[in-house]
Amino acid sequence: MTDYYRGSGDTDSTQQHPTQGFQGQGSQGSAYPPPPAYGPTVPGDGIAAVTATPHRRAKRPVALLAAVALAAAVVGGGTAALVGNYTGGGTDSIGTTVSGTTVSQSSAGTVAGVAQAVSPAIVEINATSTGGEATGSGVIITSDGEIVTNNHVIAGATSIKVQLSTGKTYTAQVVGTDADKDLALIKLEGASGLKTATLGNSDQVKVGDQVVAIGSPEGLTGTVTSGIISALNRDVTVAKEQDQGQGQGQQQPQRGGGNWPFEFGGQQFNGDTGSSKTTYKALQTDASLNPGNSGGALINMNGEIIGINSAMYAPSSSSAAGGSDAGSVGLGFAIPVNTVKSDLAALRSGGTD
């Protein structure tokens, strides 16, 4: 810590001029009379070729009106919704679609618009184990309470409590985990009608794209930060279990989960990851992440989840002002959402250890 072209079809070989009553001979090769005063539609164009004649206006084809309506709506900020409507909606190369909240046209492309649309789908997770309590975040993906988070947030937990953005609290059970990808799926007990997030396509993410992060750093539910994508495909190594890596004087677990240790480029940060660890390709962001953001959402400006925040670098307490624990310095990492989508079926089946 993520074309649609339709070829023109065959055209009829016969055409009839509405005033002259002449019909061509198709494949017989007979000569045609002079062209009519207004031309036929060019195959595949969607735009009619028109020759003006006095006191007469050619009818606009429906395809042209549809194209103008589509262009106007895209400029107005409704890109995501319209693309879904005009293409049959929502599938991608991963083959798994989770659709939920959308950003309103009036606030599309703004941090405020993204925060308003997506915050109801982001939760705070409190996991209690024999070693204490840790706090993380999660993303609601179904209205009956399926939530994606990091494996290290709930690993070893004996009980899990989840708080929604409304303040309502649920008990949750683990559905499946994948320690190798640092992913977990939990489900709320007795939940229904919840607002859900839309999972985007991390393959379309570019360096420099604006992003928003939402989570519960240090137990501050619903905290919103913003930044850009700093790099792609970072090899990040994290511990598989919550009780690993208590280096740099951190007492784990604690509220906020401590500074979760990770490795990058052969170096260890925020403590020792221990012997049980895993490496994955991550999105790097300078959006501020702090302990407790793990499992929360990294979101594009269309309001789509493009990553699950999973690791961050924090300087040692000795280098922080006043000797207190330092926060984010703009080096955060997120698991690409396409990794999440490809793993959902396995997680729903119990996942892997």
Protein backbone atom coordinates (compact mmCIF):
# COMPACT_ATOMS: atom_id res chain seq x y z
CA MET A 1 0.00 0.00 0.00
CA THR A 2 -6.87 -0.91 -11.53
CA ASP A 3 -14.16 -0.65 -27.00
CA TYR A 4 -16.83 -1.51 -28.28
CA TYR A 5 -16.97 -1.28 -32.00
CA ARG A 6 -19.62 -2.70 -34.15
CA GLY A 7 -18.82 -3.41 -37.76
CA SER A 8 -21.28 -2.31 -40.36
CA GLY A 9 -23.57 -5.07 -41.52
CA ASP A 10 -24.59 -6.07 -45.01
CA THR A 11 -26.86 -3.63 -46.76
CA ASP A 12 -29.79 -4.38 -48.97
CA SER A 13 -28.88 -4.37 -52.63
CA THR A 14 -32.13 -2.68 -53.63
CA GLN A 15 -33.22 0.85 -52.83
CA GLN A 16 -36.35 2.68 -53.83
CA HIS A 17 -36.59 6.39 -54.46
CA PRO A 18 -39.70 7.58 -52.68
CA THR A 19 -40.84 9.88 -55.49
CA GLN A 20 -39.62 8.16 -58.64
CA GLY A 21 -40.74 4.62 -57.74
CA PHE A 22 -37.62 3.07 -59.28
CA GLN A 23 -36.20 -0.17 -57.86
CA GLY A 24 -32.63 -1.32 -58.57
CA GLN A 25 -31.86 -4.79 -59.86
CA GLY A 26 -29.45 -5.89 -57.12
CA SER A 27 -27.04 -8.55 -58.39
CA GLN A 28 -28.21 -8.26 -62.04
CA GLY A 29 -25.91 -5.29 -62.55
CA SER A 30 -28.55 -3.12 -64.30
CA ALA A 31 -27.82 0.57 -64.48
CA TYR A 32 -29.33 2.80 -61.85
CA PRO A 33 -30.93 6.20 -62.51
CA PRO A 34 -29.28 9.38 -61.23
CA PRO A 35 -28.97 9.49 -57.45
CA PRO A 36 -31.89 10.92 -55.49
CA ALA A 37 -31.88 14.46 -54.18
CA TYR A 38 -30.95 13.17 -50.72
CA GLY A 39 -28.48 10.35 -50.21
CA PRO A 40 -28.91 7.09 -48.33
CA THR A 41 -27.32 6.41 -44.97
CA VAL A 42 -23.70 5.32 -45.26
CA PRO A 43 -23.38 1.81 -43.78
CA GLY A 44 -21.80 1.82 -40.31
CA ASP A 45 -21.55 5.61 -40.07
CA GLY A 46 -24.69 6.29 -38.11
CA ILE A 47 -24.67 9.67 -39.96
CA ALA A 48 -26.63 10.38 -43.14
CA ALA A 49 -25.00 11.98 -46.18
CA VAL A 50 -27.35 14.81 -47.06
CA THR A 51 -27.59 17.09 -50.13
CA ALA A 52 -29.69 20.12 -49.37
CA THR A 53 -32.72 20.78 -51.57
CA PRO A 54 -35.02 23.79 -51.44
CA HIS A 55 -37.81 23.65 -48.87
CA ARG A 56 -36.90 20.12 -47.75
CA ARG A 57 -34.97 18.75 -44.77
CA ALA A 58 -33.68 15.20 -44.52
CA LYS A 59 -34.85 13.27 -41.49
CA ARG A 60 -32.28 12.77 -38.75
CA PRO A 61 -31.45 9.11 -38.30
CA VAL A 62 -32.02 7.63 -34.86
CA ALA A 63 -28.35 6.60 -34.64
CA LEU A 64 -27.25 10.24 -34.82
CA LEU A 65 -29.61 11.26 -32.02
CA ALA A 66 -28.38 8.39 -29.86
CA ALA A 67 -24.76 9.36 -30.50
CA VAL A 68 -25.44 12.99 -29.54
CA ALA A 69 -27.28 11.91 -26.38
CA LEU A 70 -24.43 9.62 -25.40
CA ALA A 71 -21.79 12.29 -25.94
CA ALA A 72 -23.74 14.85 -23.92
CA ALA A 73 -24.21 12.47 -21.00
CA VAL A 74 -20.54 11.51 -20.94
CA VAL A 75 -19.51 15.17 -20.83
CA GLY A 76 -22.00 15.62 -18.01
CA GLY A 77 -20.22 13.00 -15.90
CA GLY A 78 -22.38 9.93 -16.37
CA THR A 79 -19.71 7.84 -18.07
CA ALA A 80 -19.85 4.74 -15.90
CA ALA A 81 -23.62 4.37 -15.93
CA LEU A 82 -23.93 4.96 -19.66
CA VAL A 83 -21.20 2.56 -20.64
CA GLY A 84 -22.98 -0.13 -18.63
CA ASN A 85 -26.32 0.66 -20.29
CA TYR A 86 -25.02 0.74 -23.84
CA THR A 87 -22.74 -2.29 -23.63
CA GLY A 88 -24.84 -4.70 -21.62
CA GLY A 89 -23.14 -3.59 -18.46
CA GLY A 90 -20.36 -4.32 -16.17
CA THR A 91 -18.39 -7.36 -17.29
CA ASP A 92 -14.62 -7.24 -17.66
CA SER A 93 -11.62 -9.43 -18.29
CA ILE A 94 -11.87 -10.97 -14.83
CA GLY A 95 -15.44 -12.08 -15.39
CA THR A 96 -16.70 -11.07 -11.93
CA THR A 97 -18.76 -7.94 -11.46
CA VAL A 98 -19.85 -6.33 -8.22
CA SER A 99 -21.91 -3.18 -8.74
CA GLY A 100 -23.11 -0.81 -6.07
CA THR A 101 -22.79 2.87 -5.24
CA THR A 102 -22.32 5.46 -7.98
CA VAL A 103 -21.17 9.07 -7.92
CA SER A 104 -23.85 11.60 -8.86
CA GLN A 105 -23.38 13.52 -12.10
CA SER A 106 -23.23 16.84 -10.27
CA SER A 107 -20.26 15.77 -8.11
CA ALA A 108 -18.47 13.32 -10.43
CA GLY A 109 -14.69 13.58 -10.35
CA THR A 110 -14.55 15.26 -6.93
CA VAL A 111 -13.26 13.88 -3.65
CA ALA A 112 -16.47 15.02 -1.96
CA GLY A 113 -18.59 13.19 -4.52
CA VAL A 114 -16.60 9.96 -4.16
CA ALA A 115 -16.67 10.16 -0.36
CA GLN A 116 -20.42 10.73 -0.27
CA ALA A 117 -21.14 7.86 -2.63
CA VAL A 118 -18.75 5.22 -1.28
CA SER A 119 -18.43 5.91 2.47
CA PRO A 120 -21.64 3.98 3.33
CA ALA A 121 -20.01 0.84 1.88
CA ILE A 122 -16.85 1.09 4.04
CA VAL A 123 -16.86 -0.38 7.55
CA GLU A 124 -14.70 -0.55 10.66
CA ILE A 125 -13.66 -4.04 11.77
CA ASN A 126 -12.71 -4.84 15.36
CA ALA A 127 -11.10 -8.27 15.67
CA THR A 128 -10.50 -9.75 19.11
CA SER A 129 -7.98 -12.54 19.63
CA THR A 130 -6.20 -14.10 22.61
CA GLY A 131 -3.51 -11.45 22.20
CA GLY A 132 -5.80 -8.42 22.33
CA GLU A 133 -7.82 -6.29 19.93
CA ALA A 134 -6.97 -4.84 16.54
CA THR A 135 -8.84 -2.47 14.26
CA GLY A 136 -9.05 -2.54 10.48
CA SER A 137 -11.43 -1.68 7.67
CA GLY A 138 -13.52 -3.50 5.10
CA VAL A 139 -15.61 -3.04 1.93
CA ILE A 140 -19.24 -4.20 1.66
CA ILE A 141 -19.81 -6.02 -1.64
CA THR A 142 -23.29 -7.55 -1.15
CA SER A 143 -26.45 -6.10 0.38
CA ASP A 144 -26.66 -8.99 2.86
CA GLY A 145 -23.27 -8.21 4.35
CA GLU A 146 -20.36 -9.85 2.53
CA ILE A 147 -17.26 -7.79 3.29
CA VAL A 148 -13.77 -7.94 1.75
CA THR A 149 -10.83 -7.11 4.01
CA ASN A 150 -7.20 -8.09 4.57
CA ASN A 151 -6.41 -11.51 6.00
CA HIS A 152 -4.04 -9.92 8.51
CA VAL A 153 -6.92 -7.85 9.93
CA ILE A 154 -8.91 -10.90 11.08
CA ALA A 155 -6.24 -13.64 11.29
CA GLY A 156 -6.52 -15.51 14.61
CA ALA A 157 -9.65 -13.62 15.68
CA THR A 158 -12.01 -15.30 18.13
CA SER A 159 -14.71 -12.68 17.58
CA ILE A 160 -15.32 -9.97 14.96
CA LYS A 161 -17.46 -6.86 15.38
CA VAL A 162 -18.24 -4.60 12.42
CA GLN A 163 -19.45 -1.02 12.63
CA LEU A 164 -21.21 0.59 9.66
CA SER A 165 -20.90 4.25 8.70
CA THR A 166 -24.30 4.74 10.39
CA GLY A 167 -22.89 3.55 13.70
CA LYS A 168 -24.86 0.29 13.67
CA THR A 169 -22.83 -2.71 14.83
CA TYR A 170 -22.98 -6.34 13.68
CA THR A 171 -21.25 -9.57 14.60
CA ALA A 172 -19.41 -11.15 11.65
CA GLN A 173 -18.14 -14.61 10.80
CA VAL A 174 -15.20 -15.52 8.58
CA VAL A 175 -16.33 -17.02 5.25
CA GLY A 176 -12.91 -17.64 3.70
CA THR A 177 -9.32 -16.47 3.80
CA ASP A 178 -6.38 -16.41 1.42
CA ALA A 179 -3.22 -15.66 3.37
CA ASP A 180 -1.07 -15.77 0.22
CA LYS A 181 -3.00 -12.83 -1.22
CA ASP A 182 -3.66 -11.23 2.19
CA LEU A 183 -7.40 -11.31 1.52
CA ALA A 184 -10.38 -12.40 3.59
CA LEU A 185 -14.15 -12.50 3.19
CA ILE A 186 -16.38 -12.08 6.22
CA LYS A 187 -20.19 -11.91 6.49
CA LEU A 188 -22.42 -9.99 8.84
CA GLU A 189 -25.06 -11.87 10.81
CA GLY A 190 -28.64 -10.80 10.12
CA ALA A 191 -27.82 -7.95 7.74
CA SER A 192 -29.90 -6.90 4.73
CA GLY A 193 -30.43 -3.89 2.49
CA LEU A 194 -26.89 -2.58 2.91
CA LYS A 195 -25.29 -0.15 0.50
CA THR A 196 -22.56 -1.84 -1.53
CA ALA A 197 -19.43 -0.76 -3.35
CA THR A 198 -18.68 -1.16 -7.07
CA LEU A 199 -15.54 -3.10 -7.91
CA GLY A 200 -13.70 -1.47 -10.81
CA ASN A 201 -10.88 -2.64 -13.08
CA SER A 202 -7.34 -2.20 -11.75
CA ASP A 203 -5.85 -3.09 -15.15
CA GLN A 204 -6.98 0.34 -16.33
CA VAL A 205 -5.22 2.22 -13.53
CA LYS A 206 -2.38 4.53 -14.60
CA VAL A 207 0.38 6.29 -12.68
CA GLY A 208 -0.85 9.76 -11.83
CA ASP A 209 -4.54 8.82 -11.58
CA GLN A 210 -6.32 10.55 -8.72
CA VAL A 211 -7.57 8.27 -5.95
CA VAL A 212 -9.45 8.43 -2.66
CA ALA A 213 -8.83 6.21 0.37
CA ILE A 214 -11.51 5.51 2.99
CA GLY A 215 -11.00 3.54 6.18
CA SER A 216 -10.71 3.66 9.96
CA PRO A 217 -7.15 4.74 10.82
CA GLU A 218 -6.55 4.55 14.58
CA GLY A 219 -10.25 3.73 15.00
CA LEU A 220 -11.43 6.98 13.37
CA THR A 221 -14.28 5.50 11.34
CA GLY A 222 -14.93 6.84 7.85
CA THR A 223 -11.73 8.85 7.45
CA VAL A 224 -11.25 10.11 3.87
CA THR A 225 -7.89 10.96 2.30
CA SER A 226 -6.86 11.56 -1.31
CA GLY A 227 -3.82 11.42 -3.55
CA ILE A 228 -2.61 9.77 -6.73
CA ILE A 229 -1.34 6.41 -7.94
CA SER A 230 2.42 6.65 -7.45
CA ALA A 231 3.51 3.37 -9.04
CA LEU A 232 2.21 0.03 -10.28
CA ASN A 233 3.22 -3.60 -9.68
CA ARG A 234 5.24 -3.07 -6.51
CA ASP A 235 6.40 -6.36 -4.95
CA VAL A 236 5.25 -5.97 -1.36
CA THR A 237 5.83 -8.65 1.30
CA VAL A 238 3.63 -8.82 4.39
CA ALA A 239 3.26 -11.18 7.33
CA LYS A 240 0.51 -13.80 7.08
CA GLU A 241 -0.42 -13.72 10.75
CA GLN A 242 -1.41 -10.83 13.01
CA ASP A 243 1.02 -11.78 15.78
CA GLN A 244 4.08 -11.48 13.55
CA GLY A 245 6.52 -8.58 13.54
CA GLN A 246 6.48 -6.75 16.85
CA GLY A 247 9.61 -4.79 16.04
CA GLN A 248 10.42 -1.09 16.47
CA GLY A 249 8.86 -1.04 19.91
CA GLN A 250 5.33 -1.65 18.59
CA GLN A 251 3.01 -3.49 20.95
CA GLN A 252 0.74 -5.55 18.73
CA PRO A 253 -2.09 -6.00 18.53
CA GLN A 254 -3.41 -2.66 19.77
CA ARG A 255 -6.14 -0.25 18.74
CA GLY A 256 -5.28 0.69 15.21
CA GLY A 257 -3.37 -2.55 14.76
CA GLY A 258 0.08 -1.00 15.21
CA ASN A 259 2.33 -0.26 12.26
CA TRP A 260 1.86 -3.42 10.25
CA PRO A 261 5.33 -4.62 9.13
CA PHE A 262 6.13 -5.21 5.47
CA GLU A 263 9.10 -5.65 3.17
CA PHE A 264 9.97 -3.97 -0.09
CA GLY A 265 13.14 -4.08 -2.16
CA GLY A 266 14.81 -6.45 0.31
CA GLN A 267 14.31 -4.08 3.25
CA GLN A 268 11.99 -4.38 6.23
CA PHE A 269 9.70 -1.56 7.32
CA ASN A 270 7.68 -1.05 10.51
CA GLY A 271 9.16 -4.17 12.07
CA ASP A 272 10.05 -7.76 11.24
CA THR A 273 7.53 -9.62 9.07
CA GLY A 274 8.62 -12.92 10.61
CA SER A 275 9.02 -16.25 8.86
CA SER A 276 5.41 -16.64 7.69
CA LYS A 277 4.93 -14.11 4.93
CA THR A 278 3.65 -13.60 1.40
CA THR A 279 4.48 -11.34 -1.54
CA TYR A 280 2.03 -9.78 -4.01
CA LYS A 281 1.96 -7.08 -6.69
CA ALA A 282 0.57 -3.85 -5.26
CA LEU A 283 -0.58 -0.41 -6.31
CA GLN A 284 1.45 2.33 -4.64
CA THR A 285 -0.31 5.53 -3.57
CA ASP A 286 0.53 8.74 -1.76
CA ALA A 287 -2.99 8.96 -0.31
CA SER A 288 -2.47 9.07 3.45
CA LEU A 289 -2.81 5.61 5.06
CA ASN A 290 -2.34 4.86 8.74
CA PRO A 291 -2.75 1.83 11.02
CA GLY A 292 -6.40 0.81 10.78
CA ASN A 293 -6.70 1.62 7.07
CA SER A 294 -5.84 -2.00 6.26
CA GLY A 295 -8.71 -3.67 4.42
CA GLY A 296 -10.26 -0.36 3.42
CA ALA A 297 -10.88 0.98 -0.06
CA LEU A 298 -8.70 2.71 -2.62
CA ILE A 299 -11.16 4.33 -5.03
CA ASN A 300 -10.98 6.00 -8.44
CA MET A 301 -12.80 9.23 -9.24
CA ASN A 302 -15.75 7.34 -10.73
CA GLY A 303 -16.42 5.85 -7.28
CA GLU A 304 -15.14 2.37 -8.20
CA ILE A 305 -12.95 0.32 -5.86
CA ILE A 306 -9.57 -0.25 -7.53
CA GLY A 307 -7.65 -1.63 -4.56
CA ILE A 308 -7.79 -2.90 -0.97
CA ASN A 309 -5.37 -0.92 1.22
CA SER A 310 -2.95 -3.32 2.87
CA ALA A 311 0.39 -1.80 3.91
CA MET A 312 2.04 1.53 4.65
CA TYR A 313 5.41 2.83 5.65
CA ALA A 314 5.82 4.90 8.81
CA PRO A 315 9.13 6.23 10.15
CA SER A 316 10.30 4.90 13.50
CA SER A 317 9.04 6.69 16.58
CA SER A 318 12.54 8.03 17.25
CA SER A 319 12.35 10.14 14.09
CA ALA A 320 8.86 11.47 14.80
CA ALA A 321 8.31 14.91 16.26
CA GLY A 322 8.08 14.82 20.05
CA GLY A 323 8.94 11.13 20.10
CA SER A 324 5.38 10.05 19.23
CA ASP A 325 4.50 7.41 16.69
CA ALA A 326 4.77 8.81 13.16
CA GLY A 327 1.92 8.58 10.69
CA SER A 328 1.76 8.25 6.93
CA VAL A 329 4.54 9.70 4.81
CA GLY A 330 2.82 9.02 1.51
CA LEU A 331 4.04 5.46 0.93
CA GLY A 332 0.97 3.26 0.93
CA PHE A 333 0.17 0.04 -0.91
CA ALA A 334 -3.06 -1.63 -2.03
CA ILE A 335 -3.96 -5.05 -3.42
CA PRO A 336 -5.34 -4.53 -6.97
CA VAL A 337 -9.09 -5.10 -7.14
CA ASN A 338 -8.72 -7.54 -10.05
CA THR A 339 -6.85 -9.81 -7.65
CA VAL A 340 -9.84 -9.57 -5.32
CA LYS A 341 -12.36 -10.34 -8.07
CA SER A 342 -10.42 -13.35 -9.31
CA ASP A 343 -10.30 -14.69 -5.73
CA LEU A 344 -13.93 -14.13 -4.75
CA ALA A 345 -15.22 -17.56 -5.75
CA ALA A 346 -12.47 -19.26 -3.76
CA LEU A 347 -13.09 -17.05 -0.74
CA ARG A 348 -16.81 -17.83 -0.83
CA SER A 349 -15.90 -21.52 -0.82
CA GLY A 350 -13.75 -21.15 2.28
CA GLY A 351 -10.54 -19.93 0.68
CA THR A 352 -7.10 -21.31 1.43
CA ASP A 353 -4.87 -21.24 4.46
